[in-house]
C-alpha atoms as a PDB file:
ATOM      1  CA  UNK A   1      -0.005   0.003  -0.017  1.00  0.00           C
ATOM      2  CA  UNK A   2       1.338   3.375  -1.015  1.00  0.00           C
ATOM      3  CA  UNK A   3       2.160   6.374   1.237  1.00  0.00           C
ATOM      4  CA  UNK A   4      -0.618   8.751   0.133  1.00  0.00           C
ATOM      5  CA  UNK A   5      -3.429   6.275   0.655  1.00  0.00           C
ATOM      6  CA  UNK A   6      -1.875   5.020   3.884  1.00  0.00           C
ATOM      7  CA  UNK A   7      -1.746   8.413   5.542  1.00  0.00           C
ATOM      8  CA  UNK A   8      -5.339   9.113   4.495  1.00  0.00           C
ATOM      9  CA  UNK A   9      -6.391   5.685   5.734  1.00  0.00           C
ATOM     10  CA  UNK A  10      -4.732   6.504   9.048  1.00  0.00           C
ATOM     11  CA  UNK A  11      -6.877   9.608   9.459  1.00  0.00           C
ATOM     12  CA  UNK A  12     -10.034   7.689   8.648  1.00  0.00           C
ATOM     13  CA  UNK A  13      -9.087   4.939  11.060  1.00  0.00           C
ATOM     14  CA  UNK A  14      -8.700   7.556  13.759  1.00  0.00           C
ATOM     15  CA  UNK A  15     -12.179   8.886  13.126  1.00  0.00           C
ATOM     16  CA  UNK A  16     -13.586   5.400  13.290  1.00  0.00           C
ATOM     17  CA  UNK A  17     -11.718   4.730  16.516  1.00  0.00           C
ATOM     18  CA  UNK A  18     -13.135   7.826  18.149  1.00  0.00           C
ATOM     19  CA  UNK A  19     -16.670   6.814  17.137  1.00  0.00           C
ATOM     20  CA  UNK A  20     -16.333   3.330  18.645  1.00  0.00           C
ATOM     21  CA  UNK A  21     -17.519   2.979  22.279  1.00  0.00           C
ATOM     22  CA  UNK A  22     -14.564   2.676  24.660  1.00  0.00           C
ATOM     23  CA  UNK A  23     -12.112   3.747  21.982  1.00  0.00           C
ATOM     24  CA  UNK A  24     -11.715   0.264  20.483  1.00  0.00           C
ATOM     25  CA  UNK A  25     -10.275   0.132  17.007  1.00  0.00           C
ATOM     26  CA  UNK A  26     -12.797  -0.171  14.268  1.00  0.00           C
ATOM     27  CA  UNK A  27     -11.337  -1.792  11.152  1.00  0.00           C
ATOM     28  CA  UNK A  28     -12.115   0.421   8.137  1.00  0.00           C
ATOM     29  CA  UNK A  29     -10.609   1.485   4.846  1.00  0.00           C
ATOM     30  CA  UNK A  30     -11.234   4.839   3.237  1.00  0.00           C
ATOM     31  CA  UNK A  31     -13.934   5.402   0.663  1.00  0.00           C
ATOM     32  CA  UNK A  32     -13.087   7.440  -2.432  1.00  0.00           C
ATOM     33  CA  UNK A  33     -14.611  10.524  -0.815  1.00  0.00           C
ATOM     34  CA  UNK A  34     -12.613  10.171   2.420  1.00  0.00           C
ATOM     35  CA  UNK A  35      -9.324   9.074   0.875  1.00  0.00           C
ATOM     36  CA  UNK A  36      -7.752  12.528   0.823  1.00  0.00           C
ATOM     37  CA  UNK A  37      -8.581  13.557   4.389  1.00  0.00           C
ATOM     38  CA  UNK A  38      -5.580  14.252   6.639  1.00  0.00           C
ATOM     39  CA  UNK A  39      -6.864  15.415   9.996  1.00  0.00           C
ATOM     40  CA  UNK A  40      -5.338  13.439  12.925  1.00  0.00           C
ATOM     41  CA  UNK A  41      -6.687  14.290  16.369  1.00  0.00           C
ATOM     42  CA  UNK A  42      -3.295  14.458  18.084  1.00  0.00           C
ATOM     43  CA  UNK A  43      -1.007  16.724  16.013  1.00  0.00           C
ATOM     44  CA  UNK A  44       2.224  16.435  18.020  1.00  0.00           C
ATOM     45  CA  UNK A  45       1.759  12.677  18.287  1.00  0.00           C
ATOM     46  CA  UNK A  46       1.100  12.420  14.548  1.00  0.00           C
ATOM     47  CA  UNK A  47       4.313  14.273  13.678  1.00  0.00           C
ATOM     48  CA  UNK A  48       6.296  12.224  16.208  1.00  0.00           C
ATOM     49  CA  UNK A  49       5.039   9.051  14.606  1.00  0.00           C
ATOM     50  CA  UNK A  50       5.978  10.256  11.113  1.00  0.00           C
ATOM     51  CA  UNK A  51       9.531  10.910  12.342  1.00  0.00           C
ATOM     52  CA  UNK A  52       9.791   7.644  14.219  1.00  0.00           C
ATOM     53  CA  UNK A  53       8.641   5.677  11.142  1.00  0.00           C
ATOM     54  CA  UNK A  54      10.523   7.675   8.482  1.00  0.00           C
ATOM     55  CA  UNK A  55       7.351   8.947   6.822  1.00  0.00           C
ATOM     56  CA  UNK A  56       6.869  12.272   5.033  1.00  0.00           C
ATOM     57  CA  UNK A  57       3.831  14.371   4.169  1.00  0.00           C
ATOM     58  CA  UNK A  58       3.398  17.221   1.708  1.00  0.00           C
ATOM     59  CA  UNK A  59       2.319  20.795   2.464  1.00  0.00           C
ATOM     60  CA  UNK A  60       0.575  22.496  -0.466  1.00  0.00           C
ATOM     61  CA  UNK A  61       2.077  25.981  -0.854  1.00  0.00           C
ATOM     62  CA  UNK A  62      -0.674  28.636  -0.745  1.00  0.00           C
ATOM     63  CA  UNK A  63      -3.178  25.756  -0.837  1.00  0.00           C
ATOM     64  CA  UNK A  64      -2.066  24.322  -4.192  1.00  0.00           C
ATOM     65  CA  UNK A  65      -3.025  26.819  -6.905  1.00  0.00           C
ATOM     66  CA  UNK A  66      -3.305  25.471 -10.467  1.00  0.00           C
ATOM     67  CA  UNK A  67      -4.776  26.634 -13.741  1.00  0.00           C
ATOM     68  CA  UNK A  68      -8.369  27.589 -12.956  1.00  0.00           C
ATOM     69  CA  UNK A  69      -7.710  27.595  -9.209  1.00  0.00           C
ATOM     70  CA  UNK A  70      -6.468  30.654  -7.265  1.00  0.00           C
ATOM     71  CA  UNK A  71      -4.073  30.627  -4.393  1.00  0.00           C
ATOM     72  CA  UNK A  72      -5.555  30.830  -0.868  1.00  0.00           C
ATOM     73  CA  UNK A  73      -9.075  29.835  -1.991  1.00  0.00           C
ATOM     74  CA  UNK A  74     -11.303  27.170  -0.562  1.00  0.00           C
ATOM     75  CA  UNK A  75     -12.154  25.897  -4.058  1.00  0.00           C
ATOM     76  CA  UNK A  76      -8.428  25.356  -4.511  1.00  0.00           C
ATOM     77  CA  UNK A  77      -8.116  23.479  -1.236  1.00  0.00           C
ATOM     78  CA  UNK A  78     -10.900  21.141  -2.342  1.00  0.00           C
ATOM     79  CA  UNK A  79      -9.236  20.638  -5.687  1.00  0.00           C
ATOM     80  CA  UNK A  80      -5.902  19.804  -4.034  1.00  0.00           C
ATOM     81  CA  UNK A  81      -7.381  17.335  -1.558  1.00  0.00           C
ATOM     82  CA  UNK A  82      -9.503  15.706  -4.283  1.00  0.00           C
ATOM     83  CA  UNK A  83      -6.206  14.529  -5.787  1.00  0.00           C
ATOM     84  CA  UNK A  84      -3.868  13.912  -2.864  1.00  0.00           C
ATOM     85  CA  UNK A  85      -3.755  14.148   0.940  1.00  0.00           C
ATOM     86  CA  UNK A  86      -1.764  17.186   2.003  1.00  0.00           C
ATOM     87  CA  UNK A  87      -1.410  19.877   4.612  1.00  0.00           C
ATOM     88  CA  UNK A  88      -2.396  23.330   3.345  1.00  0.00           C
ATOM     89  CA  UNK A  89      -0.196  26.400   3.808  1.00  0.00           C
ATOM     90  CA  UNK A  90      -2.223  29.616   3.788  1.00  0.00           C
ATOM     91  CA  UNK A  91      -1.506  33.379   4.133  1.00  0.00           C
ATOM     92  CA  UNK A  92      -3.371  35.607   6.584  1.00  0.00           C
ATOM     93  CA  UNK A  93      -3.986  39.328   5.988  1.00  0.00           C
ATOM     94  CA  UNK A  94      -6.469  41.772   7.542  1.00  0.00           C
ATOM     95  CA  UNK A  95      -9.150  44.083   6.127  1.00  0.00           C
ATOM     96  CA  UNK A  96      -9.889  47.631   7.085  1.00  0.00           C
ATOM     97  CA  UNK A  97     -12.684  46.498   9.378  1.00  0.00           C
ATOM     98  CA  UNK A  98     -10.359  44.114  11.204  1.00  0.00           C
ATOM     99  CA  UNK A  99     -11.415  40.822   9.653  1.00  0.00           C
ATOM    100  CA  UNK A 100      -8.727  38.212   9.006  1.00  0.00           C
ATOM    101  CA  UNK A 101      -8.732  36.977   5.423  1.00  0.00           C
ATOM    102  CA  UNK A 102      -6.618  34.776   3.174  1.00  0.00           C
ATOM    103  CA  UNK A 103      -4.312  36.834   0.964  1.00  0.00           C
ATOM    104  CA  UNK A 104      -0.599  36.607   0.290  1.00  0.00           C
ATOM    105  CA  UNK A 105       0.203  40.010  -1.109  1.00  0.00           C
ATOM    106  CA  UNK A 106      -0.159  43.417   0.570  1.00  0.00           C
ATOM    107  CA  UNK A 107      -1.949  44.552  -2.567  1.00  0.00           C
ATOM    108  CA  UNK A 108      -4.880  43.159  -4.538  1.00  0.00           C
ATOM    109  CA  UNK A 109      -3.587  43.661  -8.056  1.00  0.00           C
ATOM    110  CA  UNK A 110      -1.963  40.249  -8.786  1.00  0.00           C
ATOM    111  CA  UNK A 111      -4.542  37.897  -7.320  1.00  0.00           C
ATOM    112  CA  UNK A 112      -7.892  39.681  -7.605  1.00  0.00           C
ATOM    113  CA  UNK A 113      -9.966  41.876  -9.929  1.00  0.00           C
ATOM    114  CA  UNK A 114      -9.256  44.819  -7.616  1.00  0.00           C
ATOM    115  CA  UNK A 115      -6.350  47.136  -7.024  1.00  0.00           C
ATOM    116  CA  UNK A 116      -4.658  48.849  -4.079  1.00  0.00           C
ATOM    117  CA  UNK A 117      -3.975  47.597  -0.575  1.00  0.00           C
ATOM    118  CA  UNK A 118      -5.886  44.786   1.086  1.00  0.00           C
ATOM    119  CA  UNK A 119      -6.101  46.845   4.265  1.00  0.00           C
ATOM    120  CA  UNK A 120      -7.930  49.615   2.412  1.00  0.00           C
ATOM    121  CA  UNK A 121     -11.057  47.449   1.901  1.00  0.00           C
ATOM    122  CA  UNK A 122     -13.668  46.089   4.216  1.00  0.00           C
ATOM    123  CA  UNK A 123     -14.477  42.382   4.137  1.00  0.00           C
ATOM    124  CA  UNK A 124     -17.608  43.079   2.102  1.00  0.00           C
ATOM    125  CA  UNK A 125     -15.627  45.120  -0.425  1.00  0.00           C
ATOM    126  CA  UNK A 126     -12.946  42.460  -0.684  1.00  0.00           C
ATOM    127  CA  UNK A 127     -15.436  39.648  -1.168  1.00  0.00           C
ATOM    128  CA  UNK A 128     -17.163  41.612  -3.917  1.00  0.00           C
ATOM    129  CA  UNK A 129     -13.993  41.077  -5.949  1.00  0.00           C
ATOM    130  CA  UNK A 130     -13.130  37.872  -7.761  1.00  0.00           C
ATOM    131  CA  UNK A 131      -9.875  35.969  -7.531  1.00  0.00           C
ATOM    132  CA  UNK A 132      -7.497  35.329 -10.436  1.00  0.00           C
ATOM    133  CA  UNK A 133      -5.437  32.199 -11.069  1.00  0.00           C
ATOM    134  CA  UNK A 134      -1.687  32.282 -11.708  1.00  0.00           C
ATOM    135  CA  UNK A 135      -2.298  32.942 -15.397  1.00  0.00           C
ATOM    136  CA  UNK A 136      -4.445  36.014 -14.661  1.00  0.00           C
ATOM    137  CA  UNK A 137      -7.731  34.312 -15.504  1.00  0.00           C
ATOM    138  CA  UNK A 138     -10.686  35.696 -13.564  1.00  0.00           C
ATOM    139  CA  UNK A 139     -12.526  33.045 -11.550  1.00  0.00           C
ATOM    140  CA  UNK A 140     -15.810  32.858  -9.654  1.00  0.00           C
ATOM    141  CA  UNK A 141     -13.892  32.343  -6.405  1.00  0.00           C
ATOM    142  CA  UNK A 142     -13.747  35.000  -3.696  1.00  0.00           C
ATOM    143  CA  UNK A 143     -11.178  35.586  -0.978  1.00  0.00           C
ATOM    144  CA  UNK A 144     -12.366  33.677   2.120  1.00  0.00           C
ATOM    145  CA  UNK A 145     -12.142  34.909   5.675  1.00  0.00           C
ATOM    146  CA  UNK A 146      -9.703  33.091   7.933  1.00  0.00           C
ATOM    147  CA  UNK A 147     -12.647  31.815   9.991  1.00  0.00           C
ATOM    148  CA  UNK A 148     -14.270  30.375   6.860  1.00  0.00           C
ATOM    149  CA  UNK A 149     -11.058  28.522   6.104  1.00  0.00           C
ATOM    150  CA  UNK A 150     -10.748  27.226   9.674  1.00  0.00           C
ATOM    151  CA  UNK A 151     -14.320  25.971   9.677  1.00  0.00           C
ATOM    152  CA  UNK A 152     -13.949  24.373   6.223  1.00  0.00           C
ATOM    153  CA  UNK A 153     -10.735  22.562   7.321  1.00  0.00           C
ATOM    154  CA  UNK A 154     -12.327  20.925  10.382  1.00  0.00           C
ATOM    155  CA  UNK A 155     -12.075  17.186   9.859  1.00  0.00           C
ATOM    156  CA  UNK A 156     -10.419  17.704   6.484  1.00  0.00           C
ATOM    157  CA  UNK A 157      -6.950  19.211   6.759  1.00  0.00           C
ATOM    158  CA  UNK A 158      -4.173  20.731   8.836  1.00  0.00           C
ATOM    159  CA  UNK A 159      -3.537  24.398   8.057  1.00  0.00           C
ATOM    160  CA  UNK A 160      -0.067  25.979   8.200  1.00  0.00           C
ATOM    161  CA  UNK A 161      -0.487  29.687   8.968  1.00  0.00           C
ATOM    162  CA  UNK A 162       1.725  32.333   7.395  1.00  0.00           C
ATOM    163  CA  UNK A 163       0.826  35.609   9.162  1.00  0.00           C
ATOM    164  CA  UNK A 164       1.552  38.606   6.982  1.00  0.00           C
ATOM    165  CA  UNK A 165       3.034  41.921   8.027  1.00  0.00           C
ATOM    166  CA  UNK A 166       0.921  44.067  10.333  1.00  0.00           C
ATOM    167  CA  UNK A 167      -1.398  41.274  11.396  1.00  0.00           C
ATOM    168  CA  UNK A 168      -1.597  40.738  15.138  1.00  0.00           C
ATOM    169  CA  UNK A 169      -0.591  37.302  16.465  1.00  0.00           C
ATOM    170  CA  UNK A 170      -3.203  37.827  19.171  1.00  0.00           C
ATOM    171  CA  UNK A 171      -5.966  38.233  16.576  1.00  0.00           C
ATOM    172  CA  UNK A 172      -4.917  35.110  14.741  1.00  0.00           C
ATOM    173  CA  UNK A 173      -4.682  33.065  17.959  1.00  0.00           C
ATOM    174  CA  UNK A 174      -8.085  34.327  19.077  1.00  0.00           C
ATOM    175  CA  UNK A 175      -9.648  33.208  15.788  1.00  0.00           C
ATOM    176  CA  UNK A 176      -8.023  29.795  15.998  1.00  0.00           C
ATOM    177  CA  UNK A 177      -9.309  29.318  19.552  1.00  0.00           C
ATOM    178  CA  UNK A 178     -12.808  30.555  18.639  1.00  0.00           C
ATOM    179  CA  UNK A 179     -12.934  27.938  15.880  1.00  0.00           C
ATOM    180  CA  UNK A 180     -11.630  25.213  18.233  1.00  0.00           C
ATOM    181  CA  UNK A 181      -8.796  24.680  15.774  1.00  0.00           C
ATOM    182  CA  UNK A 182      -5.798  24.645  18.178  1.00  0.00           C
ATOM    183  CA  UNK A 183      -4.922  21.034  17.308  1.00  0.00           C
ATOM    184  CA  UNK A 184      -5.170  21.433  13.547  1.00  0.00           C
ATOM    185  CA  UNK A 185      -2.922  24.389  12.741  1.00  0.00           C
ATOM    186  CA  UNK A 186       0.810  25.096  12.568  1.00  0.00           C
ATOM    187  CA  UNK A 187       1.872  28.699  13.275  1.00  0.00           C
ATOM    188  CA  UNK A 188       4.807  29.889  11.139  1.00  0.00           C
ATOM    189  CA  UNK A 189       7.335  32.088  12.941  1.00  0.00           C
ATOM    190  CA  UNK A 190      10.408  33.789  11.447  1.00  0.00           C
ATOM    191  CA  UNK A 191      12.517  34.456  14.513  1.00  0.00           C
ATOM    192  CA  UNK A 192      13.177  33.152  18.001  1.00  0.00           C
ATOM    193  CA  UNK A 193      11.512  36.246  19.391  1.00  0.00           C
ATOM    194  CA  UNK A 194       8.345  35.557  17.375  1.00  0.00           C
ATOM    195  CA  UNK A 195       8.379  31.877  18.387  1.00  0.00           C
ATOM    196  CA  UNK A 196       8.728  32.760  22.052  1.00  0.00           C
ATOM    197  CA  UNK A 197       5.951  35.304  21.860  1.00  0.00           C
ATOM    198  CA  UNK A 198       3.515  32.944  20.128  1.00  0.00           C
ATOM    199  CA  UNK A 199       4.384  30.173  22.567  1.00  0.00           C
ATOM    200  CA  UNK A 200       3.679  32.430  25.556  1.00  0.00           C
ATOM    201  CA  UNK A 201       0.348  33.440  24.047  1.00  0.00           C
ATOM    202  CA  UNK A 202      -0.669  29.930  22.991  1.00  0.00           C
ATOM    203  CA  UNK A 203       1.552  27.118  24.301  1.00  0.00           C
ATOM    204  CA  UNK A 204      -0.839  24.535  22.823  1.00  0.00           C
ATOM    205  CA  UNK A 205      -0.014  25.463  19.223  1.00  0.00           C
ATOM    206  CA  UNK A 206       2.537  23.760  16.959  1.00  0.00           C
ATOM    207  CA  UNK A 207       5.176  26.179  15.741  1.00  0.00           C
ATOM    208  CA  UNK A 208       7.337  26.237  12.633  1.00  0.00           C
ATOM    209  CA  UNK A 209      10.655  27.765  13.712  1.00  0.00           C
ATOM    210  CA  UNK A 210      13.719  28.509  11.562  1.00  0.00           C
ATOM    211  CA  UNK A 211      16.655  26.305  12.646  1.00  0.00           C
ATOM    212  CA  UNK A 212      20.203  26.447  11.267  1.00  0.00           C
ATOM    213  CA  UNK A 213      21.930  24.280  13.879  1.00  0.00           C
ATOM    214  CA  UNK A 214      20.630  21.668  16.308  1.00  0.00           C
ATOM    215  CA  UNK A 215      22.018  23.807  19.110  1.00  0.00           C
ATOM    216  CA  UNK A 216      19.383  26.406  18.204  1.00  0.00           C
ATOM    217  CA  UNK A 217      16.914  24.128  19.986  1.00  0.00           C
ATOM    218  CA  UNK A 218      18.711  24.862  23.272  1.00  0.00           C
ATOM    219  CA  UNK A 219      18.191  28.549  22.780  1.00  0.00           C
ATOM    220  CA  UNK A 220      14.478  27.945  22.240  1.00  0.00           C
ATOM    221  CA  UNK A 221      14.272  25.752  25.331  1.00  0.00           C
ATOM    222  CA  UNK A 222      16.005  28.429  27.427  1.00  0.00           C
ATOM    223  CA  UNK A 223      13.246  30.806  26.373  1.00  0.00           C
ATOM    224  CA  UNK A 224      10.629  28.441  27.717  1.00  0.00           C
ATOM    225  CA  UNK A 225       9.481  26.942  24.443  1.00  0.00           C
ATOM    226  CA  UNK A 226       8.286  23.348  24.705  1.00  0.00           C
ATOM    227  CA  UNK A 227      10.241  21.539  21.956  1.00  0.00           C
ATOM    228  CA  UNK A 228       7.454  18.990  21.492  1.00  0.00           C
ATOM    229  CA  UNK A 229       5.547  21.859  19.880  1.00  0.00           C
ATOM    230  CA  UNK A 230       8.345  22.758  17.444  1.00  0.00           C
ATOM    231  CA  UNK A 231       8.779  21.868  13.810  1.00  0.00           C
ATOM    232  CA  UNK A 232      12.183  22.879  12.469  1.00  0.00           C
ATOM    233  CA  UNK A 233      12.196  24.889   9.251  1.00  0.00           C
ATOM    234  CA  UNK A 234      15.581  24.141   7.712  1.00  0.00           C
ATOM    235  CA  UNK A 235      15.443  26.222   4.522  1.00  0.00           C
ATOM    236  CA  UNK A 236      14.734  26.045   0.826  1.00  0.00           C
ATOM    237  CA  UNK A 237      18.098  25.601  -0.863  1.00  0.00           C
ATOM    238  CA  UNK A 238      19.628  22.198  -0.110  1.00  0.00           C
ATOM    239  CA  UNK A 239      18.505  19.620   2.441  1.00  0.00           C
ATOM    240  CA  UNK A 240      21.022  19.137   5.236  1.00  0.00           C
ATOM    241  CA  UNK A 241      20.982  15.453   6.196  1.00  0.00           C
ATOM    242  CA  UNK A 242      23.367  15.927   9.096  1.00  0.00           C
ATOM    243  CA  UNK A 243      21.188  18.671  10.597  1.00  0.00           C
ATOM    244  CA  UNK A 244      17.971  16.751   9.898  1.00  0.00           C
ATOM    245  CA  UNK A 245      19.262  13.650  11.637  1.00  0.00           C
ATOM    246  CA  UNK A 246      20.523  15.656  14.616  1.00  0.00           C
ATOM    247  CA  UNK A 247      17.102  17.332  14.954  1.00  0.00           C
ATOM    248  CA  UNK A 248      15.368  13.978  14.697  1.00  0.00           C
ATOM    249  CA  UNK A 249      17.560  12.663  17.482  1.00  0.00           C
ATOM    250  CA  UNK A 250      16.296  15.552  19.620  1.00  0.00           C
ATOM    251  CA  UNK A 251      12.692  14.555  18.837  1.00  0.00           C
ATOM    252  CA  UNK A 252      12.020  17.507  16.485  1.00  0.00           C
ATOM    253  CA  UNK A 253      10.500  17.084  13.026  1.00  0.00           C
ATOM    254  CA  UNK A 254      11.864  18.819   9.969  1.00  0.00           C
ATOM    255  CA  UNK A 255      10.119  21.097   7.446  1.00  0.00           C
ATOM    256  CA  UNK A 256      11.806  21.828   4.122  1.00  0.00           C
ATOM    257  CA  UNK A 257      10.653  24.305   1.476  1.00  0.00           C
ATOM    258  CA  UNK A 258      10.975  22.693  -1.934  1.00  0.00           C
ATOM    259  CA  UNK A 259       8.825  25.450  -3.451  1.00  0.00           C
ATOM    260  CA  UNK A 260      11.606  27.975  -3.919  1.00  0.00           C
ATOM    261  CA  UNK A 261      13.792  26.191  -6.414  1.00  0.00           C
ATOM    262  CA  UNK A 262      14.534  22.672  -5.287  1.00  0.00           C
ATOM    263  CA  UNK A 263      11.548  21.207  -7.123  1.00  0.00           C
ATOM    264  CA  UNK A 264      12.488  22.786 -10.440  1.00  0.00           C
ATOM    265  CA  UNK A 265      14.913  19.922 -10.889  1.00  0.00           C
ATOM    266  CA  UNK A 266      13.698  17.224 -13.217  1.00  0.00           C
ATOM    267  CA  UNK A 267      13.486  13.507 -12.638  1.00  0.00           C
ATOM    268  CA  UNK A 268      11.374  10.913 -10.819  1.00  0.00           C
ATOM    269  CA  UNK A 269      12.065  10.266  -7.183  1.00  0.00           C
ATOM    270  CA  UNK A 270      12.950  13.883  -6.371  1.00  0.00           C
ATOM    271  CA  UNK A 271      10.657  14.168  -3.360  1.00  0.00           C
ATOM    272  CA  UNK A 272      11.340  10.623  -2.187  1.00  0.00           C
ATOM    273  CA  UNK A 273      15.045  11.480  -2.205  1.00  0.00           C
ATOM    274  CA  UNK A 274      14.296  14.622  -0.215  1.00  0.00           C
ATOM    275  CA  UNK A 275      12.334  12.574   2.348  1.00  0.00           C
ATOM    276  CA  UNK A 276      15.317  10.252   2.690  1.00  0.00           C
ATOM    277  CA  UNK A 277      17.407  13.134   4.035  1.00  0.00           C
ATOM    278  CA  UNK A 278      15.293  13.086   7.207  1.00  0.00           C
ATOM    279  CA  UNK A 279      12.547  15.552   6.206  1.00  0.00           C
ATOM    280  CA  UNK A 280       9.019  14.891   7.549  1.00  0.00           C
ATOM    281  CA  UNK A 281       7.141  17.820   5.916  1.00  0.00           C
ATOM    282  CA  UNK A 282       7.820  18.960   2.337  1.00  0.00           C
ATOM    283  CA  UNK A 283       6.371  22.304   1.312  1.00  0.00           C
ATOM    284  CA  UNK A 284       5.628  22.188  -2.423  1.00  0.00           C
ATOM    285  CA  UNK A 285       4.106  24.187  -5.246  1.00  0.00           C
ATOM    286  CA  UNK A 286       3.509  20.831  -6.903  1.00  0.00           C
ATOM    287  CA  UNK A 287       1.759  19.059  -4.056  1.00  0.00           C
ATOM    288  CA  UNK A 288      -0.017  16.426  -6.141  1.00  0.00           C
ATOM    289  CA  UNK A 289       3.158  15.482  -7.975  1.00  0.00           C
ATOM    290  CA  UNK A 290       5.068  15.420  -4.687  1.00  0.00           C
ATOM    291  CA  UNK A 291       2.549  13.053  -3.064  1.00  0.00           C
ATOM    292  CA  UNK A 292       2.580  10.768  -6.082  1.00  0.00           C
ATOM    293  CA  UNK A 293       6.355  10.717  -6.108  1.00  0.00           C
ATOM    294  CA  UNK A 294       6.468   9.723  -2.455  1.00  0.00           C
ATOM    295  CA  UNK A 295       3.726   7.206  -3.090  1.00  0.00           C
ATOM    296  CA  UNK A 296       5.657   5.562  -5.938  1.00  0.00           C
ATOM    297  CA  UNK A 297       8.820   5.095  -3.966  1.00  0.00           C
ATOM    298  CA  UNK A 298       7.980   4.410  -0.314  1.00  0.00           C
ATOM    299  CA  UNK A 299       7.143   0.687  -0.239  1.00  0.00           C
ATOM    300  CA  UNK A 300       5.524   1.020   3.208  1.00  0.00           C
ATOM    301  CA  UNK A 301       3.128  -1.754   4.261  1.00  0.00           C
ATOM    302  CA  UNK A 302       0.614   0.503   5.928  1.00  0.00           C
ATOM    303  CA  UNK A 303       0.961  -0.373   9.590  1.00  0.00           C
ATOM    304  CA  UNK A 304       3.159   2.614  10.514  1.00  0.00           C
ATOM    305  CA  UNK A 305       0.782   5.184   9.015  1.00  0.00           C
ATOM    306  CA  UNK A 306      -2.249   3.571  10.645  1.00  0.00           C
ATOM    307  CA  UNK A 307      -0.462   3.732  13.985  1.00  0.00           C
ATOM    308  CA  UNK A 308       0.429   7.405  13.378  1.00  0.00           C
ATOM    309  CA  UNK A 309      -3.286   8.304  13.274  1.00  0.00           C
ATOM    310  CA  UNK A 310      -4.190   6.454  16.456  1.00  0.00           C
ATOM    311  CA  UNK A 311      -4.588   8.477  19.710  1.00  0.00           C
ATOM    312  CA  UNK A 312      -1.241   8.853  21.485  1.00  0.00           C
END
């Protein structure tokens, strides 16, 4: 059984287990509709299990835009998950009336039918615009609010949150908590200061933290950060096997950004080779291709992934 189906099956098995009285395992295999769901109930335990069993999952950059599907749109999330199980990376901006929305750029020009700054519009004005795909084609899709994305993702997907400039961490955390989404998001941070701040505000959240050396973990620990809530972002250029292994030995999972150049290289097995360097989460602009590449090369028998979805 291949990796993509196995991870999805694990999530379904978890849902079945929770529905069974007393928590007994309920033997089940995913239907076609459920096959792309990746929503384990215990996020830290899920990532630990991936590391312990040398598994990798894919994170769809900006939700997996494609021709006819805009970045940061719920229609795009559905399109991505219809083809492959993946985590979804999203970008969070804020409107003039203080509503958190999904938008990567500070301005509207590239991705919508509007122009000017995102912060200049109210939510109603923003959602009156239509989104464009990467080729500039105007779509029927509208920019969703962050809360709409959180509610949609419940039971479907893990969201990785890239908070854009000027957006309050407190506002994002409050929305996550209001949606009951604490155990299905990863909060991206870009400095130790930011990681420490988010951890103080919401110690229950998983954090993506930039790591250049395994000793950086000691600095985080000295600042009171619980390392079981840390995923190590190790860059976008070349995977560092020595660093990845050292992080794994400390019980920390590794994120690598293939989207910024690594995946432009041709050839089958590219993502499988990346996973072999000790990476557990691969951020990709080509999420479906990445999942299929892992799927074609893993040779896993299914037990490890099923165990990863079980309550820990």
